[in-house]
Amino acid sequence: MATFNVVVADPAEGTAYPVEVEGQDANRFIGRDIGDEVDGDAVGLTGCTLEITGGSDEAGRPMRASVSGPGLEDVLVKEESVGYNPERDGERRRISVRGSEVSDATVQINAKVTETGSESVAELLGEGETEEDEAE
């Protein structure tokens, strides 16, 4: 059974919310690629649509859109990109990245909200409440 830590970014508010997803809801992500859209019900965002923007595996290797499939691949990168920050001009390095498809090896999935419903993301996730609001 798959378990993912989904980091949901809300571009309208400029905030991100971590949500742990397991079981049947996690299965909605398996087999999806970077750029695919997923129903927000999988993370408790009824009426919202999420777009998968990236992720990483258990070793921290980033998912890369240019690598197809869920497997590992060593790619030669020469400019600042996902998973690599060069220290000097012209520096190149071969790094290990995960493919663009979500699999059981994926631990974290990054997603952004593309469509919202009538309620805000913070309200749906219960993040908008403070201790003062609960006391009233």
Protein backbone atom coordinates (compact mmCIF):
# COMPACT_ATOMS: atom_id res chain seq x y z
CA MET A 1 0.00 0.00 0.00
CA ALA A 2 1.45 3.34 -1.06
CA THR A 3 1.88 6.34 1.24
CA PHE A 4 2.84 9.80 -0.01
CA ASN A 5 3.59 13.14 1.56
CA VAL A 6 1.84 15.53 -0.83
CA VAL A 7 2.93 19.18 -0.60
CA VAL A 8 0.03 21.25 -1.94
CA ALA A 9 0.99 24.74 -3.10
CA ASP A 10 -1.69 27.41 -3.32
CA PRO A 11 -0.44 30.03 -5.83
CA ALA A 12 -3.28 32.42 -4.96
CA GLU A 13 -2.16 32.67 -1.33
CA GLY A 14 1.53 31.90 -1.81
CA THR A 15 1.48 29.11 0.77
CA ALA A 16 2.13 25.36 0.81
CA TYR A 17 0.47 22.68 2.94
CA PRO A 18 1.88 19.19 3.63
CA VAL A 19 -0.75 16.43 3.53
CA GLU A 20 -0.09 12.73 4.15
CA VAL A 21 -2.04 10.50 1.79
CA GLU A 22 -2.34 6.72 2.02
CA GLY A 23 -4.51 3.86 0.87
CA GLN A 24 -7.02 4.32 -1.92
CA ASP A 25 -6.34 8.08 -2.18
CA ALA A 26 -2.62 7.43 -2.73
CA ASN A 27 -3.45 5.05 -5.58
CA ARG A 28 -4.92 8.00 -7.51
CA PHE A 29 -1.37 9.35 -7.92
CA ILE A 30 0.35 6.11 -9.02
CA GLY A 31 1.06 6.05 -12.74
CA ARG A 32 0.57 9.80 -13.18
CA ASP A 33 3.29 11.96 -14.73
CA ILE A 34 4.56 15.45 -13.94
CA GLY A 35 2.05 17.85 -15.47
CA ASP A 36 -0.96 15.53 -15.06
CA GLU A 37 -4.00 16.74 -13.16
CA VAL A 38 -5.50 14.89 -10.19
CA ASP A 39 -8.82 15.41 -8.44
CA GLY A 40 -8.34 17.33 -5.18
CA ASP A 41 -10.51 14.87 -3.26
CA ALA A 42 -7.40 12.67 -2.95
CA VAL A 43 -5.92 15.15 -0.43
CA GLY A 44 -9.15 16.47 1.07
CA LEU A 45 -9.65 19.42 -1.30
CA THR A 46 -13.20 18.88 -2.51
CA GLY A 47 -13.93 20.82 -5.68
CA CYS A 48 -10.28 21.54 -6.45
CA THR A 49 -7.94 20.27 -9.15
CA LEU A 50 -4.23 19.64 -8.55
CA GLU A 51 -1.36 19.56 -11.04
CA ILE A 52 1.65 17.37 -10.23
CA THR A 53 4.76 19.57 -10.45
CA GLY A 54 7.44 17.21 -9.13
CA GLY A 55 8.52 15.05 -6.24
CA SER A 56 11.32 12.95 -4.84
CA ASP A 57 12.11 9.40 -3.75
CA GLU A 58 13.35 7.94 -0.44
CA ALA A 59 16.95 9.02 -1.15
CA GLY A 60 15.95 12.58 -2.03
CA ARG A 61 16.49 12.19 -5.78
CA PRO A 62 14.22 14.64 -7.61
CA MET A 63 11.70 13.66 -10.25
CA ARG A 64 12.56 15.13 -13.64
CA ALA A 65 10.02 15.79 -16.40
CA SER A 66 12.51 15.01 -19.20
CA VAL A 67 13.02 11.40 -17.99
CA SER A 68 10.17 9.08 -18.90
CA GLY A 69 8.96 6.28 -16.67
CA PRO A 70 9.38 5.74 -12.92
CA GLY A 71 12.97 4.44 -12.91
CA LEU A 72 16.33 5.95 -12.07
CA GLU A 73 18.53 7.48 -14.72
CA ASP A 74 21.88 9.26 -14.68
CA VAL A 75 21.69 12.47 -16.70
CA LEU A 76 24.40 14.96 -17.58
CA VAL A 77 23.36 18.47 -16.58
CA LYS A 78 25.27 21.61 -17.39
CA GLU A 79 23.15 24.46 -16.14
CA GLU A 80 21.14 25.18 -13.04
CA SER A 81 18.19 22.80 -13.08
CA VAL A 82 16.19 20.43 -10.91
CA GLY A 83 18.62 18.67 -8.58
CA TYR A 84 21.77 20.57 -9.57
CA ASN A 85 23.30 23.95 -8.79
CA PRO A 86 26.71 24.47 -10.49
CA GLU A 87 29.47 26.15 -8.54
CA ARG A 88 31.16 27.82 -11.52
CA ASP A 89 30.40 28.68 -15.17
CA GLY A 90 30.55 25.79 -17.60
CA GLU A 91 30.54 23.11 -14.90
CA ARG A 92 28.75 19.87 -15.81
CA ARG A 93 27.89 16.91 -13.64
CA ARG A 94 26.16 13.57 -14.00
CA ILE A 95 23.40 13.23 -11.42
CA SER A 96 20.92 10.49 -10.64
CA VAL A 97 17.27 11.49 -11.04
CA ARG A 98 13.92 9.72 -10.82
CA GLY A 99 11.63 9.57 -13.87
CA SER A 100 8.52 11.71 -14.27
CA GLU A 101 6.05 8.93 -13.38
CA VAL A 102 4.83 8.56 -9.79
CA SER A 103 5.52 5.05 -8.43
CA ASP A 104 5.80 3.20 -5.11
CA ALA A 105 9.40 4.48 -4.84
CA THR A 106 8.12 8.08 -4.70
CA VAL A 107 7.91 9.49 -1.17
CA GLN A 108 7.02 13.14 -1.72
CA ILE A 109 4.80 14.62 -4.41
CA ASN A 110 4.70 18.34 -5.12
CA ALA A 111 1.43 19.65 -6.52
CA LYS A 112 -0.19 23.01 -7.10
CA VAL A 113 -3.85 23.99 -7.09
CA THR A 114 -5.02 24.88 -10.61
CA GLU A 115 -8.76 25.19 -9.97
CA THR A 116 -10.48 25.99 -6.69
CA GLY A 117 -14.00 25.47 -5.51
CA SER A 118 -16.15 27.79 -3.42
CA GLU A 119 -13.93 27.47 -0.33
CA SER A 120 -10.27 28.42 -0.03
CA VAL A 121 -7.53 25.79 0.28
CA ALA A 122 -6.75 26.84 3.86
CA GLU A 123 -10.38 26.39 4.90
CA LEU A 124 -10.64 22.96 3.27
CA LEU A 125 -7.46 21.73 4.97
CA GLY A 126 -8.40 23.28 8.32
CA GLU A 127 -5.28 25.48 8.35
CA GLY A 128 -7.16 28.77 8.57
CA GLU A 129 -8.37 28.21 12.13
CA THR A 130 -6.46 29.62 15.08
CA GLU A 131 -6.81 28.87 18.80
CA GLU A 132 -8.77 32.12 19.25
CA ASP A 133 -11.30 31.08 16.59
CA GLU A 134 -11.79 27.68 18.24
CA ALA A 135 -12.38 29.27 21.67
CA GLU A 136 -15.29 31.37 20.42
